[in-house]
Amino acid sequence: MSVTVSAVLILGIAVAAALKFRSLTVGGFLLAALFGFYLASTDAAPSVNQFVTAIVNAAAGIGR
């Protein structure tokens, strides 16, 4: 399945707007899930995975 950058960008903007207006209901949750699903199928997925791993490792090191 080929996902264009514009589809991921539109879903990202919709999720950001839902977070800004604090309207994350079931519909907002589905938007966020779709955004994550489509983002995972782009070339940005390895970079996002590395970023999240770095954040988790940094957070784990804070408590030591």
C-alpha atoms as a PDB file:
ATOM      1  CA  MET A   1       0.000   0.000   0.000  1.00  0.00           C
ATOM      2  CA  SER A   2       1.394   3.344  -0.980  1.00  0.00           C
ATOM      3  CA  VAL A   3       0.670   6.264   1.312  1.00  0.00           C
ATOM      4  CA  THR A   4       1.322   9.758   0.127  1.00  0.00           C
ATOM      5  CA  VAL A   5       2.879  12.385   2.333  1.00  0.00           C
ATOM      6  CA  SER A   6      -0.215  14.551   1.943  1.00  0.00           C
ATOM      7  CA  ALA A   7      -2.465  11.913   3.561  1.00  0.00           C
ATOM      8  CA  VAL A   8      -0.116  11.619   6.541  1.00  0.00           C
ATOM      9  CA  LEU A   9       0.179  15.400   6.730  1.00  0.00           C
ATOM     10  CA  ILE A  10      -3.603  15.903   6.714  1.00  0.00           C
ATOM     11  CA  LEU A  11      -4.092  13.273   9.426  1.00  0.00           C
ATOM     12  CA  GLY A  12      -1.260  14.825  11.456  1.00  0.00           C
ATOM     13  CA  ILE A  13      -2.884  18.253  11.266  1.00  0.00           C
ATOM     14  CA  ALA A  14      -6.237  16.763  12.283  1.00  0.00           C
ATOM     15  CA  VAL A  15      -4.679  15.034  15.304  1.00  0.00           C
ATOM     16  CA  ALA A  16      -2.834  18.229  16.303  1.00  0.00           C
ATOM     17  CA  ALA A  17      -6.091  20.198  16.071  1.00  0.00           C
ATOM     18  CA  ALA A  18      -7.925  17.606  18.173  1.00  0.00           C
ATOM     19  CA  LEU A  19      -5.217  17.827  20.815  1.00  0.00           C
ATOM     20  CA  LYS A  20      -5.231  21.629  20.755  1.00  0.00           C
ATOM     21  CA  PHE A  21      -8.988  21.879  21.185  1.00  0.00           C
ATOM     22  CA  ARG A  22      -9.005  19.003  23.696  1.00  0.00           C
ATOM     23  CA  SER A  23     -11.627  17.119  21.767  1.00  0.00           C
ATOM     24  CA  LEU A  24     -10.050  13.691  21.786  1.00  0.00           C
ATOM     25  CA  THR A  25     -13.178  11.606  21.898  1.00  0.00           C
ATOM     26  CA  VAL A  26     -13.641   8.280  20.144  1.00  0.00           C
ATOM     27  CA  GLY A  27     -13.398  10.075  16.794  1.00  0.00           C
ATOM     28  CA  GLY A  28     -10.193  11.795  17.845  1.00  0.00           C
ATOM     29  CA  PHE A  29      -8.790   8.517  19.054  1.00  0.00           C
ATOM     30  CA  LEU A  30      -9.535   6.943  15.674  1.00  0.00           C
ATOM     31  CA  LEU A  31      -7.833   9.877  13.927  1.00  0.00           C
ATOM     32  CA  ALA A  32      -4.741   9.419  16.084  1.00  0.00           C
ATOM     33  CA  ALA A  33      -4.720   5.673  15.428  1.00  0.00           C
ATOM     34  CA  LEU A  34      -5.055   6.186  11.678  1.00  0.00           C
ATOM     35  CA  PHE A  35      -2.261   8.764  11.763  1.00  0.00           C
ATOM     36  CA  GLY A  36       0.020   6.291  13.534  1.00  0.00           C
ATOM     37  CA  PHE A  37      -0.937   3.506  11.155  1.00  0.00           C
ATOM     38  CA  TYR A  38      -0.215   5.571   8.053  1.00  0.00           C
ATOM     39  CA  LEU A  39       2.944   7.100   9.524  1.00  0.00           C
ATOM     40  CA  ALA A  40       4.274   3.595  10.164  1.00  0.00           C
ATOM     41  CA  SER A  41       4.027   2.805   6.463  1.00  0.00           C
ATOM     42  CA  THR A  42       6.101   5.795   5.342  1.00  0.00           C
ATOM     43  CA  ASP A  43       9.847   6.248   5.108  1.00  0.00           C
ATOM     44  CA  ALA A  44       9.714   8.230   8.356  1.00  0.00           C
ATOM     45  CA  ALA A  45       8.916   5.116  10.422  1.00  0.00           C
ATOM     46  CA  PRO A  46      12.549   4.191  11.275  1.00  0.00           C
ATOM     47  CA  SER A  47      13.308   7.768  12.345  1.00  0.00           C
ATOM     48  CA  VAL A  48      10.198   7.932  14.528  1.00  0.00           C
ATOM     49  CA  ASN A  49      11.081   4.565  16.058  1.00  0.00           C
ATOM     50  CA  GLN A  50      14.627   5.730  16.871  1.00  0.00           C
ATOM     51  CA  PHE A  51      13.305   8.979  18.369  1.00  0.00           C
ATOM     52  CA  VAL A  52      10.810   7.204  20.619  1.00  0.00           C
ATOM     53  CA  THR A  53      13.460   4.682  21.691  1.00  0.00           C
ATOM     54  CA  ALA A  54      15.842   7.504  22.602  1.00  0.00           C
ATOM     55  CA  ILE A  55      13.143   9.259  24.647  1.00  0.00           C
ATOM     56  CA  VAL A  56      12.269   6.042  26.511  1.00  0.00           C
ATOM     57  CA  ASN A  57      15.933   5.324  27.248  1.00  0.00           C
ATOM     58  CA  ALA A  58      16.459   8.888  28.489  1.00  0.00           C
ATOM     59  CA  ALA A  59      13.384   8.665  30.723  1.00  0.00           C
ATOM     60  CA  ALA A  60      14.566   5.341  32.131  1.00  0.00           C
ATOM     61  CA  GLY A  61      17.933   6.882  32.953  1.00  0.00           C
ATOM     62  CA  ILE A  62      16.359   9.722  34.954  1.00  0.00           C
ATOM     63  CA  GLY A  63      15.245   7.458  37.783  1.00  0.00           C
ATOM     64  CA  ARG A  64      18.673   5.916  38.360  1.00  0.00           C
END
